[in-house]
Amino acid sequence: MWSALLAGLWVLGGAIVAMSGTRYHGVFAVFLFIPSAFIIVPWLGYDYGWMAVVIALIGVGSMLRWPLYYVSKYLRSKVTGEEFSWPNWRPRDQ
């Protein structure tokens, strides 16, 4: 029960961060949501089985799609030797 409650709070927190006025949520994604997903998803699997893990991974992938996209692009560039640059997160100087 606690794992499902924590997963629900994780989703609610992600929705609140997504609705905030900031364009890039790097601090929240890196230091709060990604590490906590490594705890919540296995805990859900322990309590509710592998189908809960699949559903939770779909939710995690949906909420953290851009960090996952750029990390996968970075790792692919390391394997293939392609050029890679992180997105420009700072506004341009005018």
C-alpha atoms as a PDB file:
ATOM      1  CA  MET A   1       0.000   0.000   0.000  1.00  0.00           C
ATOM      2  CA  TRP A   2       2.770   2.470   0.858  1.00  0.00           C
ATOM      3  CA  SER A   3       4.480   1.904  -2.464  1.00  0.00           C
ATOM      4  CA  ALA A   4       1.302   2.761  -4.388  1.00  0.00           C
ATOM      5  CA  LEU A   5       0.775   5.866  -2.256  1.00  0.00           C
ATOM      6  CA  LEU A   6       4.355   6.976  -2.821  1.00  0.00           C
ATOM      7  CA  ALA A   7       4.028   6.336  -6.569  1.00  0.00           C
ATOM      8  CA  GLY A   8       0.876   8.457  -6.625  1.00  0.00           C
ATOM      9  CA  LEU A   9       2.672  11.269  -4.810  1.00  0.00           C
ATOM     10  CA  TRP A  10       5.546  10.932  -7.288  1.00  0.00           C
ATOM     11  CA  VAL A  11       3.102  11.411 -10.181  1.00  0.00           C
ATOM     12  CA  LEU A  12       1.405  14.338  -8.427  1.00  0.00           C
ATOM     13  CA  GLY A  13       4.774  15.991  -7.773  1.00  0.00           C
ATOM     14  CA  GLY A  14       5.766  15.524 -11.393  1.00  0.00           C
ATOM     15  CA  ALA A  15       2.504  17.102 -12.547  1.00  0.00           C
ATOM     16  CA  ILE A  16       3.032  20.095 -10.255  1.00  0.00           C
ATOM     17  CA  VAL A  17       6.580  20.600 -11.524  1.00  0.00           C
ATOM     18  CA  ALA A  18       5.381  20.256 -15.128  1.00  0.00           C
ATOM     19  CA  MET A  19       2.741  22.952 -14.588  1.00  0.00           C
ATOM     20  CA  SER A  20       5.217  25.404 -13.106  1.00  0.00           C
ATOM     21  CA  GLY A  21       6.302  28.373 -15.189  1.00  0.00           C
ATOM     22  CA  THR A  22       9.870  27.182 -15.694  1.00  0.00           C
ATOM     23  CA  ARG A  23      10.791  25.863 -19.116  1.00  0.00           C
ATOM     24  CA  TYR A  24      13.525  23.465 -17.995  1.00  0.00           C
ATOM     25  CA  HIS A  25      13.129  21.362 -14.881  1.00  0.00           C
ATOM     26  CA  GLY A  26      16.622  19.901 -14.773  1.00  0.00           C
ATOM     27  CA  VAL A  27      17.145  20.229 -11.020  1.00  0.00           C
ATOM     28  CA  PHE A  28      13.904  18.437 -10.178  1.00  0.00           C
ATOM     29  CA  ALA A  29      14.412  15.719 -12.776  1.00  0.00           C
ATOM     30  CA  VAL A  30      18.000  14.950 -11.903  1.00  0.00           C
ATOM     31  CA  PHE A  31      18.006  15.234  -8.126  1.00  0.00           C
ATOM     32  CA  LEU A  32      14.469  14.254  -7.166  1.00  0.00           C
ATOM     33  CA  PHE A  33      12.467  12.351  -9.750  1.00  0.00           C
ATOM     34  CA  ILE A  34      15.061  10.107 -11.405  1.00  0.00           C
ATOM     35  CA  PRO A  35      16.679   8.732  -8.200  1.00  0.00           C
ATOM     36  CA  SER A  36      13.329   8.252  -6.504  1.00  0.00           C
ATOM     37  CA  ALA A  37      12.073   6.269  -9.512  1.00  0.00           C
ATOM     38  CA  PHE A  38      14.885   3.759  -8.895  1.00  0.00           C
ATOM     39  CA  ILE A  39      13.359   3.147  -5.458  1.00  0.00           C
ATOM     40  CA  ILE A  40       9.636   3.330  -6.234  1.00  0.00           C
ATOM     41  CA  VAL A  41       9.525   1.082  -9.324  1.00  0.00           C
ATOM     42  CA  PRO A  42      11.168  -1.996  -7.729  1.00  0.00           C
ATOM     43  CA  TRP A  43       9.121  -1.477  -4.582  1.00  0.00           C
ATOM     44  CA  LEU A  44       5.929  -1.507  -6.664  1.00  0.00           C
ATOM     45  CA  GLY A  45       7.147  -4.694  -8.322  1.00  0.00           C
ATOM     46  CA  TYR A  46       7.768  -6.320  -4.979  1.00  0.00           C
ATOM     47  CA  ASP A  47       4.295  -5.396  -3.720  1.00  0.00           C
ATOM     48  CA  TYR A  48       2.186  -5.804  -6.866  1.00  0.00           C
ATOM     49  CA  GLY A  49       4.136  -7.881  -9.396  1.00  0.00           C
ATOM     50  CA  TRP A  50       5.758  -7.379 -12.770  1.00  0.00           C
ATOM     51  CA  MET A  51       2.717  -5.783 -14.427  1.00  0.00           C
ATOM     52  CA  ALA A  52       2.915  -2.899 -11.957  1.00  0.00           C
ATOM     53  CA  VAL A  53       6.588  -2.492 -12.914  1.00  0.00           C
ATOM     54  CA  VAL A  54       5.685  -2.289 -16.602  1.00  0.00           C
ATOM     55  CA  ILE A  55       3.003   0.327 -15.929  1.00  0.00           C
ATOM     56  CA  ALA A  56       5.337   2.296 -13.656  1.00  0.00           C
ATOM     57  CA  LEU A  57       8.129   2.244 -16.253  1.00  0.00           C
ATOM     58  CA  ILE A  58       5.732   3.573 -18.875  1.00  0.00           C
ATOM     59  CA  GLY A  59       4.795   6.373 -16.477  1.00  0.00           C
ATOM     60  CA  VAL A  60       8.427   7.144 -15.661  1.00  0.00           C
ATOM     61  CA  GLY A  61       9.320   7.173 -19.349  1.00  0.00           C
ATOM     62  CA  SER A  62       6.430   9.484 -20.088  1.00  0.00           C
ATOM     63  CA  MET A  63       7.231  11.975 -17.356  1.00  0.00           C
ATOM     64  CA  LEU A  64      10.997  11.980 -17.901  1.00  0.00           C
ATOM     65  CA  ARG A  65      10.973  11.667 -21.682  1.00  0.00           C
ATOM     66  CA  TRP A  66      13.335  14.564 -22.435  1.00  0.00           C
ATOM     67  CA  PRO A  67      16.019  13.659 -19.883  1.00  0.00           C
ATOM     68  CA  LEU A  68      15.822  10.052 -21.105  1.00  0.00           C
ATOM     69  CA  TYR A  69      15.979  11.228 -24.729  1.00  0.00           C
ATOM     70  CA  TYR A  70      19.138  13.276 -24.212  1.00  0.00           C
ATOM     71  CA  VAL A  71      20.858  10.663 -22.051  1.00  0.00           C
ATOM     72  CA  SER A  72      20.160   7.988 -24.673  1.00  0.00           C
ATOM     73  CA  LYS A  73      21.392  10.341 -27.416  1.00  0.00           C
ATOM     74  CA  TYR A  74      24.560  10.998 -25.402  1.00  0.00           C
ATOM     75  CA  LEU A  75      25.195   7.277 -24.849  1.00  0.00           C
ATOM     76  CA  ARG A  76      24.593   6.552 -28.546  1.00  0.00           C
ATOM     77  CA  SER A  77      27.125   9.238 -29.479  1.00  0.00           C
ATOM     78  CA  LYS A  78      29.697   7.559 -27.235  1.00  0.00           C
ATOM     79  CA  VAL A  79      29.157   4.208 -28.954  1.00  0.00           C
ATOM     80  CA  THR A  80      28.968   5.451 -32.547  1.00  0.00           C
ATOM     81  CA  GLY A  81      31.330   8.433 -32.309  1.00  0.00           C
ATOM     82  CA  GLU A  82      28.693  10.879 -33.595  1.00  0.00           C
ATOM     83  CA  GLU A  83      28.786  14.537 -32.639  1.00  0.00           C
ATOM     84  CA  PHE A  84      26.628  15.410 -29.623  1.00  0.00           C
ATOM     85  CA  SER A  85      25.718  18.618 -27.826  1.00  0.00           C
ATOM     86  CA  TRP A  86      23.371  19.175 -24.915  1.00  0.00           C
ATOM     87  CA  PRO A  87      20.464  21.544 -25.495  1.00  0.00           C
ATOM     88  CA  ASN A  88      21.015  25.229 -24.804  1.00  0.00           C
ATOM     89  CA  TRP A  89      19.189  25.640 -21.502  1.00  0.00           C
ATOM     90  CA  ARG A  90      20.118  29.233 -20.895  1.00  0.00           C
ATOM     91  CA  PRO A  91      18.319  32.079 -22.658  1.00  0.00           C
ATOM     92  CA  ARG A  92      20.322  33.905 -25.297  1.00  0.00           C
ATOM     93  CA  ASP A  93      21.935  37.177 -24.349  1.00  0.00           C
ATOM     94  CA  GLN A  94      20.384  40.085 -26.146  1.00  0.00           C
END
